[in-house]
Amino acid sequence: MSDSANTPETAPLTPGDSIRRTRAKGEPRFPDGPKADPAGSHFERRIRSFQPRRSRVTAGQADALQRLWPKWGLDIDGRHTLDLPELFGNDNPVVLEIGFGMGEATAQMAAADPGTNILAVDVHTPGQGNLLNLADRNGLSNIRVGNGDAIILLREMLTPDSLDGLRVYFPDPWPKKRHHKRRLIQPDFLSLAATRIKPGGIVHCATDWEPYAEQMLEVLTAHPDFENTQADGGFAPRPDFRPLTRFEGQGLDKGHVVNDLLFRRVQHVDQPLAGA
């Protein structure tokens, strides 16, 4: 997929403008920023749960990508193991967030809980730039932005019991039946995630697509490595720490029902405690 611009730049850019200039063949979009395909197009062959979107990037987002990616960005290449304390510069708990949109909710959660590190992963370039910009403006040093496939991150780059939680907010519902196999919350994904989440860690999902919410509840309930935090075995009230996003508010205005699911990673009898 080519993300080269279509028209030459004719005037200096100001915040809010979009990046539209012609690049030479093979020239990276952001020389010091995220790579277009960090793990390589042929790293593996499988059905992916996401669709990369290389839409327009504003001047402010581009500036953030260029300035801050070397400091707070991470290309998910699958070629090395992450040392999370080294990545964040401390030993605070780390929560993985898969899919953060434009990053407003992520920034709010990071500001409200500075003692928790957030590794936020997405493939949407404008969102990556926007989250970096928000982190910089608000002094949020507990955010790192990952670019690429979260499956590769979990499987190839994170060590067992390295995460304290997982957040998946409003993932693509893939509403057509023939596309249900692309949905992220599936038994195989949960089995992989369970190897990286410490016992007691929380998997928190939210969606405004009710059929997907029902599938999430069914799959999580059936998985032996997770237990519902709700005594009635159903959906959870939206916790205070998850901000009400603009996208969510628009859905609620249209009559959409938003469901949260909070499941705890189970400590099995024959499983040693993390760090023991």
C-alpha atoms as a PDB file:
ATOM      1  CA  MET A   1       0.000   0.000   0.000  1.00  0.00           C
ATOM      2  CA  SER A   2       1.462   3.351  -0.996  1.00  0.00           C
ATOM      3  CA  ASP A   3       0.914   6.342   1.268  1.00  0.00           C
ATOM      4  CA  SER A   4       2.715   8.884  -0.865  1.00  0.00           C
ATOM      5  CA  ALA A   5       1.068  12.284  -1.206  1.00  0.00           C
ATOM      6  CA  ASN A   6      -0.621  13.447  -4.379  1.00  0.00           C
ATOM      7  CA  THR A   7       0.243  17.129  -4.621  1.00  0.00           C
ATOM      8  CA  PRO A   8       3.381  19.158  -3.941  1.00  0.00           C
ATOM      9  CA  GLU A   9       3.663  21.359  -0.892  1.00  0.00           C
ATOM     10  CA  THR A  10       3.262  25.002  -1.830  1.00  0.00           C
ATOM     11  CA  ALA A  11       3.459  26.840   1.512  1.00  0.00           C
ATOM     12  CA  PRO A  12       4.840  26.322   4.994  1.00  0.00           C
ATOM     13  CA  LEU A  13       2.649  24.119   7.167  1.00  0.00           C
ATOM     14  CA  THR A  14       0.950  25.294  10.319  1.00  0.00           C
ATOM     15  CA  PRO A  15      -0.794  23.182  12.980  1.00  0.00           C
ATOM     16  CA  GLY A  16      -4.010  21.761  11.554  1.00  0.00           C
ATOM     17  CA  ASP A  17      -2.691  21.592   7.990  1.00  0.00           C
ATOM     18  CA  SER A  18      -2.316  18.184   6.349  1.00  0.00           C
ATOM     19  CA  ILE A  19       0.889  16.713   4.993  1.00  0.00           C
ATOM     20  CA  ARG A  20       0.597  16.660   1.194  1.00  0.00           C
ATOM     21  CA  ARG A  21       3.866  16.526  -0.695  1.00  0.00           C
ATOM     22  CA  THR A  22       5.399  14.246  -3.253  1.00  0.00           C
ATOM     23  CA  ARG A  23       8.119  11.932  -1.912  1.00  0.00           C
ATOM     24  CA  ALA A  24      10.766  10.188  -3.925  1.00  0.00           C
ATOM     25  CA  LYS A  25      10.259   6.472  -4.472  1.00  0.00           C
ATOM     26  CA  GLY A  26      11.403   4.564  -1.398  1.00  0.00           C
ATOM     27  CA  GLU A  27      11.642   7.684   0.779  1.00  0.00           C
ATOM     28  CA  PRO A  28      10.122   6.986   4.210  1.00  0.00           C
ATOM     29  CA  ARG A  29       7.096   9.039   5.154  1.00  0.00           C
ATOM     30  CA  PHE A  30       8.616  10.045   8.499  1.00  0.00           C
ATOM     31  CA  PRO A  31      12.395   9.432   8.478  1.00  0.00           C
ATOM     32  CA  ASP A  32      12.625   9.446  12.273  1.00  0.00           C
ATOM     33  CA  GLY A  33       9.087   8.178  12.880  1.00  0.00           C
ATOM     34  CA  PRO A  34       7.089   4.933  12.678  1.00  0.00           C
ATOM     35  CA  LYS A  35       7.824   2.511   9.858  1.00  0.00           C
ATOM     36  CA  ALA A  36       5.076   1.662   7.374  1.00  0.00           C
ATOM     37  CA  ASP A  37       5.445  -2.092   7.945  1.00  0.00           C
ATOM     38  CA  PRO A  38       7.810  -2.734  10.864  1.00  0.00           C
ATOM     39  CA  ALA A  39       7.514  -6.526  10.952  1.00  0.00           C
ATOM     40  CA  GLY A  40       7.675  -6.953   7.180  1.00  0.00           C
ATOM     41  CA  SER A  41       4.803  -7.835   4.884  1.00  0.00           C
ATOM     42  CA  HIS A  42       5.733 -11.502   4.869  1.00  0.00           C
ATOM     43  CA  PHE A  43       6.486 -11.943   8.570  1.00  0.00           C
ATOM     44  CA  GLU A  44       3.628 -14.415   8.699  1.00  0.00           C
ATOM     45  CA  ARG A  45       0.486 -15.384   6.861  1.00  0.00           C
ATOM     46  CA  ARG A  46      -2.711 -15.192   8.898  1.00  0.00           C
ATOM     47  CA  ILE A  47      -5.998 -13.349   8.969  1.00  0.00           C
ATOM     48  CA  ARG A  48      -5.489 -10.016  10.682  1.00  0.00           C
ATOM     49  CA  SER A  49      -7.987  -8.300  12.930  1.00  0.00           C
ATOM     50  CA  PHE A  50      -7.057  -4.787  11.818  1.00  0.00           C
ATOM     51  CA  GLN A  51      -6.855  -2.722   8.657  1.00  0.00           C
ATOM     52  CA  PRO A  52      -4.019  -0.168   8.463  1.00  0.00           C
ATOM     53  CA  ARG A  53      -5.284   3.350   7.708  1.00  0.00           C
ATOM     54  CA  ARG A  54      -2.705   5.734   6.272  1.00  0.00           C
ATOM     55  CA  SER A  55      -4.902   8.831   6.222  1.00  0.00           C
ATOM     56  CA  ARG A  56      -3.829  12.455   6.244  1.00  0.00           C
ATOM     57  CA  VAL A  57      -1.486  13.614   8.977  1.00  0.00           C
ATOM     58  CA  THR A  58      -1.658  17.188  10.233  1.00  0.00           C
ATOM     59  CA  ALA A  59       1.444  19.317  10.625  1.00  0.00           C
ATOM     60  CA  GLY A  60       1.185  19.046  14.405  1.00  0.00           C
ATOM     61  CA  GLN A  61       0.929  15.264  14.280  1.00  0.00           C
ATOM     62  CA  ALA A  62       3.829  15.031  11.837  1.00  0.00           C
ATOM     63  CA  ASP A  63       5.957  17.239  14.080  1.00  0.00           C
ATOM     64  CA  ALA A  64       5.175  15.012  17.065  1.00  0.00           C
ATOM     65  CA  LEU A  65       6.045  11.868  15.102  1.00  0.00           C
ATOM     66  CA  GLN A  66       9.378  13.325  14.014  1.00  0.00           C
ATOM     67  CA  ARG A  67      10.336  14.767  17.411  1.00  0.00           C
ATOM     68  CA  LEU A  68       8.956  12.194  19.818  1.00  0.00           C
ATOM     69  CA  TRP A  69       9.019   8.835  18.059  1.00  0.00           C
ATOM     70  CA  PRO A  70      12.705   8.193  18.891  1.00  0.00           C
ATOM     71  CA  LYS A  71      11.872   8.944  22.562  1.00  0.00           C
ATOM     72  CA  TRP A  72       8.418   7.395  23.090  1.00  0.00           C
ATOM     73  CA  GLY A  73       7.709   5.330  19.968  1.00  0.00           C
ATOM     74  CA  LEU A  74       8.187   1.628  19.311  1.00  0.00           C
ATOM     75  CA  ASP A  75       8.088  -0.230  16.005  1.00  0.00           C
ATOM     76  CA  ILE A  76       6.734  -3.745  16.517  1.00  0.00           C
ATOM     77  CA  ASP A  77       9.210  -5.697  14.407  1.00  0.00           C
ATOM     78  CA  GLY A  78       9.074  -9.053  16.218  1.00  0.00           C
ATOM     79  CA  ARG A  79      12.862  -9.239  16.250  1.00  0.00           C
ATOM     80  CA  HIS A  80      13.723  -8.494  19.864  1.00  0.00           C
ATOM     81  CA  THR A  81      12.360  -8.948  23.378  1.00  0.00           C
ATOM     82  CA  LEU A  82      11.203  -5.837  25.194  1.00  0.00           C
ATOM     83  CA  ASP A  83      12.538  -4.908  28.603  1.00  0.00           C
ATOM     84  CA  LEU A  84       9.527  -2.971  29.880  1.00  0.00           C
ATOM     85  CA  PRO A  85      11.276  -1.367  32.888  1.00  0.00           C
ATOM     86  CA  GLU A  86      13.953  -0.130  30.506  1.00  0.00           C
ATOM     87  CA  LEU A  87      11.349   1.064  27.984  1.00  0.00           C
ATOM     88  CA  PHE A  88       9.510   3.148  30.595  1.00  0.00           C
ATOM     89  CA  GLY A  89      12.429   3.936  32.891  1.00  0.00           C
ATOM     90  CA  ASN A  90      10.740   2.464  35.970  1.00  0.00           C
ATOM     91  CA  ASP A  91       9.209  -0.704  37.441  1.00  0.00           C
ATOM     92  CA  ASN A  92       5.614   0.523  37.520  1.00  0.00           C
ATOM     93  CA  PRO A  93       2.786  -1.766  36.365  1.00  0.00           C
ATOM     94  CA  VAL A  94       2.288  -1.919  32.593  1.00  0.00           C
ATOM     95  CA  VAL A  95      -1.071  -2.128  30.845  1.00  0.00           C
ATOM     96  CA  LEU A  96      -1.268  -2.915  27.131  1.00  0.00           C
ATOM     97  CA  GLU A  97      -3.916  -0.999  25.201  1.00  0.00           C
ATOM     98  CA  ILE A  98      -4.730  -2.370  21.732  1.00  0.00           C
ATOM     99  CA  GLY A  99      -6.305   0.200  19.427  1.00  0.00           C
ATOM    100  CA  PHE A 100      -6.455   3.741  20.825  1.00  0.00           C
ATOM    101  CA  GLY A 101      -7.953   5.758  17.966  1.00  0.00           C
ATOM    102  CA  MET A 102      -6.823   9.363  18.298  1.00  0.00           C
ATOM    103  CA  GLY A 103      -5.527   8.757  21.819  1.00  0.00           C
ATOM    104  CA  GLU A 104      -7.678  11.173  23.845  1.00  0.00           C
ATOM    105  CA  ALA A 105      -8.952   8.497  26.245  1.00  0.00           C
ATOM    106  CA  THR A 106      -5.474   7.001  26.599  1.00  0.00           C
ATOM    107  CA  ALA A 107      -4.029  10.385  27.530  1.00  0.00           C
ATOM    108  CA  GLN A 108      -6.788  10.974  30.087  1.00  0.00           C
ATOM    109  CA  MET A 109      -6.201   7.579  31.723  1.00  0.00           C
ATOM    110  CA  ALA A 110      -2.437   8.155  31.805  1.00  0.00           C
ATOM    111  CA  ALA A 111      -2.925  11.556  33.454  1.00  0.00           C
ATOM    112  CA  ALA A 112      -5.351  10.153  36.030  1.00  0.00           C
ATOM    113  CA  ASP A 113      -3.032   7.261  36.970  1.00  0.00           C
ATOM    114  CA  PRO A 114       0.614   8.327  36.582  1.00  0.00           C
ATOM    115  CA  GLY A 115       1.760   5.257  38.529  1.00  0.00           C
ATOM    116  CA  THR A 116       0.637   2.939  35.725  1.00  0.00           C
ATOM    117  CA  ASN A 117       2.507   2.709  32.425  1.00  0.00           C
ATOM    118  CA  ILE A 118       0.457   2.382  29.240  1.00  0.00           C
ATOM    119  CA  LEU A 119       1.856   0.658  26.166  1.00  0.00           C
ATOM    120  CA  ALA A 120      -0.622   1.826  23.529  1.00  0.00           C
ATOM    121  CA  VAL A 121      -0.587   0.030  20.173  1.00  0.00           C
ATOM    122  CA  ASP A 122      -2.264   1.064  16.921  1.00  0.00           C
ATOM    123  CA  VAL A 123      -1.562   1.251  13.191  1.00  0.00           C
ATOM    124  CA  HIS A 124      -3.297   4.588  12.558  1.00  0.00           C
ATOM    125  CA  THR A 125      -0.556   7.131  11.855  1.00  0.00           C
ATOM    126  CA  PRO A 126      -2.564  10.304  12.653  1.00  0.00           C
ATOM    127  CA  GLY A 127      -3.627   8.749  15.962  1.00  0.00           C
ATOM    128  CA  GLN A 128      -0.030   7.875  16.806  1.00  0.00           C
ATOM    129  CA  GLY A 129       1.020  11.465  16.176  1.00  0.00           C
ATOM    130  CA  ASN A 130      -1.927  12.860  18.111  1.00  0.00           C
ATOM    131  CA  LEU A 131      -1.259  10.687  21.169  1.00  0.00           C
ATOM    132  CA  LEU A 132       2.419  11.635  21.169  1.00  0.00           C
ATOM    133  CA  ASN A 133       1.389  15.274  20.939  1.00  0.00           C
ATOM    134  CA  LEU A 134      -1.044  14.888  23.865  1.00  0.00           C
ATOM    135  CA  ALA A 135       1.587  13.101  25.951  1.00  0.00           C
ATOM    136  CA  ASP A 136       4.129  15.841  25.258  1.00  0.00           C
ATOM    137  CA  ARG A 137       1.755  18.735  25.954  1.00  0.00           C
ATOM    138  CA  ASN A 138       0.537  17.199  29.221  1.00  0.00           C
ATOM    139  CA  GLY A 139       3.867  15.842  30.459  1.00  0.00           C
ATOM    140  CA  LEU A 140       2.697  12.223  30.351  1.00  0.00           C
ATOM    141  CA  SER A 141       5.898  10.226  30.586  1.00  0.00           C
ATOM    142  CA  ASN A 142       3.981   6.985  31.312  1.00  0.00           C
ATOM    143  CA  ILE A 143       2.865   6.462  27.687  1.00  0.00           C
ATOM    144  CA  ARG A 144       4.717   4.564  24.981  1.00  0.00           C
ATOM    145  CA  VAL A 145       3.225   4.266  21.494  1.00  0.00           C
ATOM    146  CA  GLY A 146       3.598   0.991  19.606  1.00  0.00           C
ATOM    147  CA  ASN A 147       3.249   0.793  15.835  1.00  0.00           C
ATOM    148  CA  GLY A 148       2.254  -2.518  14.287  1.00  0.00           C
ATOM    149  CA  ASP A 149       0.581  -5.830  14.992  1.00  0.00           C
ATOM    150  CA  ALA A 150      -0.283  -6.440  18.653  1.00  0.00           C
ATOM    151  CA  ILE A 151      -0.250 -10.209  18.065  1.00  0.00           C
ATOM    152  CA  ILE A 152       3.417 -10.035  17.088  1.00  0.00           C
ATOM    153  CA  LEU A 153       4.106  -7.851  20.118  1.00  0.00           C
ATOM    154  CA  LEU A 154       2.465 -10.344  22.479  1.00  0.00           C
ATOM    155  CA  ARG A 155       3.945 -13.451  20.935  1.00  0.00           C
ATOM    156  CA  GLU A 156       7.442 -12.361  19.971  1.00  0.00           C
ATOM    157  CA  MET A 157       8.390  -9.356  22.088  1.00  0.00           C
ATOM    158  CA  LEU A 158       6.809  -9.641  25.547  1.00  0.00           C
ATOM    159  CA  THR A 159       7.889 -12.045  28.259  1.00  0.00           C
ATOM    160  CA  PRO A 160       5.555 -14.182  30.409  1.00  0.00           C
ATOM    161  CA  ASP A 161       3.707 -12.338  33.177  1.00  0.00           C
ATOM    162  CA  SER A 162       5.062  -8.978  32.006  1.00  0.00           C
ATOM    163  CA  LEU A 163       1.697  -7.201  31.768  1.00  0.00           C
ATOM    164  CA  ASP A 164      -0.594  -6.080  34.569  1.00  0.00           C
ATOM    165  CA  GLY A 165      -3.612  -5.684  32.335  1.00  0.00           C
ATOM    166  CA  LEU A 166      -5.008  -5.484  28.820  1.00  0.00           C
ATOM    167  CA  ARG A 167      -7.450  -2.930  27.392  1.00  0.00           C
ATOM    168  CA  VAL A 168      -9.355  -3.358  24.142  1.00  0.00           C
ATOM    169  CA  TYR A 169     -11.793  -0.504  23.652  1.00  0.00           C
ATOM    170  CA  PHE A 170     -14.157  -0.392  20.678  1.00  0.00           C
ATOM    171  CA  PRO A 171     -12.291  -2.809  18.400  1.00  0.00           C
ATOM    172  CA  ASP A 172     -13.461  -3.244  14.827  1.00  0.00           C
ATOM    173  CA  PRO A 173     -16.653  -5.334  15.166  1.00  0.00           C
ATOM    174  CA  TRP A 174     -16.343  -6.860  11.698  1.00  0.00           C
ATOM    175  CA  PRO A 175     -20.160  -7.015  11.574  1.00  0.00           C
ATOM    176  CA  LYS A 176     -20.555  -9.217   8.490  1.00  0.00           C
ATOM    177  CA  LYS A 177     -20.751 -12.896   9.394  1.00  0.00           C
ATOM    178  CA  ARG A 178     -18.060 -13.875   6.898  1.00  0.00           C
ATOM    179  CA  HIS A 179     -15.689 -11.470   8.659  1.00  0.00           C
ATOM    180  CA  HIS A 180     -16.297 -12.685  12.229  1.00  0.00           C
ATOM    181  CA  LYS A 181     -13.060 -14.678  12.030  1.00  0.00           C
ATOM    182  CA  ARG A 182     -11.230 -11.328  11.936  1.00  0.00           C
ATOM    183  CA  ARG A 183     -12.508 -10.248  15.335  1.00  0.00           C
ATOM    184  CA  LEU A 184      -9.716  -9.857  17.865  1.00  0.00           C
ATOM    185  CA  ILE A 185     -11.375 -11.404  20.917  1.00  0.00           C
ATOM    186  CA  GLN A 186     -11.129 -15.100  20.069  1.00  0.00           C
ATOM    187  CA  PRO A 187     -10.018 -18.131  22.135  1.00  0.00           C
ATOM    188  CA  ASP A 188      -6.541 -18.279  20.545  1.00  0.00           C
ATOM    189  CA  PHE A 189      -5.920 -14.592  21.212  1.00  0.00           C
ATOM    190  CA  LEU A 190      -6.977 -14.955  24.848  1.00  0.00           C
ATOM    191  CA  SER A 191      -4.704 -17.971  25.298  1.00  0.00           C
ATOM    192  CA  LEU A 192      -1.771 -15.912  24.012  1.00  0.00           C
ATOM    193  CA  ALA A 193      -2.687 -12.883  26.128  1.00  0.00           C
ATOM    194  CA  ALA A 194      -3.003 -15.089  29.221  1.00  0.00           C
ATOM    195  CA  THR A 195       0.669 -16.058  28.955  1.00  0.00           C
ATOM    196  CA  ARG A 196       1.703 -12.394  29.154  1.00  0.00           C
ATOM    197  CA  ILE A 197      -0.737 -11.114  31.806  1.00  0.00           C
ATOM    198  CA  LYS A 198       0.123 -11.669  35.453  1.00  0.00           C
ATOM    199  CA  PRO A 199      -2.383 -13.639  37.528  1.00  0.00           C
ATOM    200  CA  GLY A 200      -4.855 -11.139  38.896  1.00  0.00           C
ATOM    201  CA  GLY A 201      -4.408  -8.816  35.919  1.00  0.00           C
ATOM    202  CA  ILE A 202      -7.564  -7.451  34.306  1.00  0.00           C
ATOM    203  CA  VAL A 203      -8.694  -7.767  30.710  1.00  0.00           C
ATOM    204  CA  HIS A 204     -11.050  -4.864  30.022  1.00  0.00           C
ATOM    205  CA  CYS A 205     -13.031  -4.784  26.778  1.00  0.00           C
ATOM    206  CA  ALA A 206     -15.692  -2.321  25.666  1.00  0.00           C
ATOM    207  CA  THR A 207     -17.833  -2.214  22.528  1.00  0.00           C
ATOM    208  CA  ASP A 208     -20.960  -0.525  21.239  1.00  0.00           C
ATOM    209  CA  TRP A 209     -21.726  -3.432  18.881  1.00  0.00           C
ATOM    210  CA  GLU A 210     -24.059  -5.669  20.891  1.00  0.00           C
ATOM    211  CA  PRO A 211     -23.547  -8.902  18.903  1.00  0.00           C
ATOM    212  CA  TYR A 212     -19.787  -8.546  19.392  1.00  0.00           C
ATOM    213  CA  ALA A 213     -20.308  -7.836  23.097  1.00  0.00           C
ATOM    214  CA  GLU A 214     -22.261 -11.080  23.408  1.00  0.00           C
ATOM    215  CA  GLN A 215     -19.489 -12.984  21.615  1.00  0.00           C
ATOM    216  CA  MET A 216     -16.841 -11.410  23.862  1.00  0.00           C
ATOM    217  CA  LEU A 217     -18.809 -12.412  26.954  1.00  0.00           C
ATOM    218  CA  GLU A 218     -19.245 -15.968  25.681  1.00  0.00           C
ATOM    219  CA  VAL A 219     -15.591 -16.427  24.709  1.00  0.00           C
ATOM    220  CA  LEU A 220     -14.159 -14.874  27.875  1.00  0.00           C
ATOM    221  CA  THR A 221     -16.551 -16.817  30.118  1.00  0.00           C
ATOM    222  CA  ALA A 222     -15.579 -20.103  28.477  1.00  0.00           C
ATOM    223  CA  HIS A 223     -11.828 -19.479  28.699  1.00  0.00           C
ATOM    224  CA  PRO A 224     -10.159 -21.313  31.619  1.00  0.00           C
ATOM    225  CA  ASP A 225      -7.576 -18.576  32.206  1.00  0.00           C
ATOM    226  CA  PHE A 226     -10.090 -15.818  32.954  1.00  0.00           C
ATOM    227  CA  GLU A 227     -12.960 -15.228  35.359  1.00  0.00           C
ATOM    228  CA  ASN A 228     -15.662 -12.586  35.289  1.00  0.00           C
ATOM    229  CA  THR A 229     -15.325  -9.904  37.955  1.00  0.00           C
ATOM    230  CA  GLN A 230     -19.128  -9.570  37.993  1.00  0.00           C
ATOM    231  CA  ALA A 231     -20.895 -11.920  40.402  1.00  0.00           C
ATOM    232  CA  ASP A 232     -23.831 -12.316  38.036  1.00  0.00           C
ATOM    233  CA  GLY A 233     -21.539 -13.351  35.170  1.00  0.00           C
ATOM    234  CA  GLY A 234     -22.669 -10.491  32.964  1.00  0.00           C
ATOM    235  CA  PHE A 235     -21.437  -7.149  31.698  1.00  0.00           C
ATOM    236  CA  ALA A 236     -19.825  -4.606  34.008  1.00  0.00           C
ATOM    237  CA  PRO A 237     -20.794  -0.970  34.589  1.00  0.00           C
ATOM    238  CA  ARG A 238     -18.414   1.424  32.862  1.00  0.00           C
ATOM    239  CA  PRO A 239     -15.622   1.944  35.410  1.00  0.00           C
ATOM    240  CA  ASP A 240     -14.752   5.521  36.322  1.00  0.00           C
ATOM    241  CA  PHE A 241     -11.229   5.137  34.969  1.00  0.00           C
ATOM    242  CA  ARG A 242     -12.439   4.579  31.391  1.00  0.00           C
ATOM    243  CA  PRO A 243     -13.270   8.027  29.991  1.00  0.00           C
ATOM    244  CA  LEU A 244     -16.407   8.622  27.982  1.00  0.00           C
ATOM    245  CA  THR A 245     -14.978   9.292  24.528  1.00  0.00           C
ATOM    246  CA  ARG A 246     -16.402  11.546  21.841  1.00  0.00           C
ATOM    247  CA  PHE A 247     -16.942   8.486  19.649  1.00  0.00           C
ATOM    248  CA  GLU A 248     -18.794   6.734  22.453  1.00  0.00           C
ATOM    249  CA  GLY A 249     -20.904   9.795  23.160  1.00  0.00           C
ATOM    250  CA  GLN A 250     -21.974  10.004  19.528  1.00  0.00           C
ATOM    251  CA  GLY A 251     -22.983   6.344  19.654  1.00  0.00           C
ATOM    252  CA  LEU A 252     -24.975   6.837  22.827  1.00  0.00           C
ATOM    253  CA  ASP A 253     -26.764   9.788  21.213  1.00  0.00           C
ATOM    254  CA  LYS A 254     -27.787   7.421  18.428  1.00  0.00           C
ATOM    255  CA  GLY A 255     -29.156   4.880  20.887  1.00  0.00           C
ATOM    256  CA  HIS A 256     -26.196   2.496  20.849  1.00  0.00           C
ATOM    257  CA  VAL A 257     -25.679   0.321  23.902  1.00  0.00           C
ATOM    258  CA  VAL A 258     -22.109   0.238  25.223  1.00  0.00           C
ATOM    259  CA  ASN A 259     -21.038  -2.858  27.138  1.00  0.00           C
ATOM    260  CA  ASP A 260     -17.925  -3.219  29.306  1.00  0.00           C
ATOM    261  CA  LEU A 261     -16.387  -6.558  30.206  1.00  0.00           C
ATOM    262  CA  LEU A 262     -13.928  -6.934  33.095  1.00  0.00           C
ATOM    263  CA  PHE A 263     -12.284 -10.348  33.436  1.00  0.00           C
ATOM    264  CA  ARG A 264      -9.498 -11.340  35.802  1.00  0.00           C
ATOM    265  CA  ARG A 265      -6.526 -13.523  34.884  1.00  0.00           C
ATOM    266  CA  VAL A 266      -6.868 -16.689  36.960  1.00  0.00           C
ATOM    267  CA  GLN A 267      -4.119 -18.036  39.198  1.00  0.00           C
ATOM    268  CA  HIS A 268      -4.145 -21.797  38.661  1.00  0.00           C
ATOM    269  CA  VAL A 269      -3.291 -24.109  41.538  1.00  0.00           C
ATOM    270  CA  ASP A 270      -0.279 -25.596  39.750  1.00  0.00           C
ATOM    271  CA  GLN A 271       0.948 -22.215  38.449  1.00  0.00           C
ATOM    272  CA  PRO A 272       3.766 -20.467  40.360  1.00  0.00           C
ATOM    273  CA  LEU A 273       3.269 -16.856  41.350  1.00  0.00           C
ATOM    274  CA  ALA A 274       4.830 -14.255  39.053  1.00  0.00           C
ATOM    275  CA  GLY A 275       8.391 -13.534  40.136  1.00  0.00           C
ATOM    276  CA  ALA A 276       8.533 -16.552  42.433  1.00  0.00           C
END
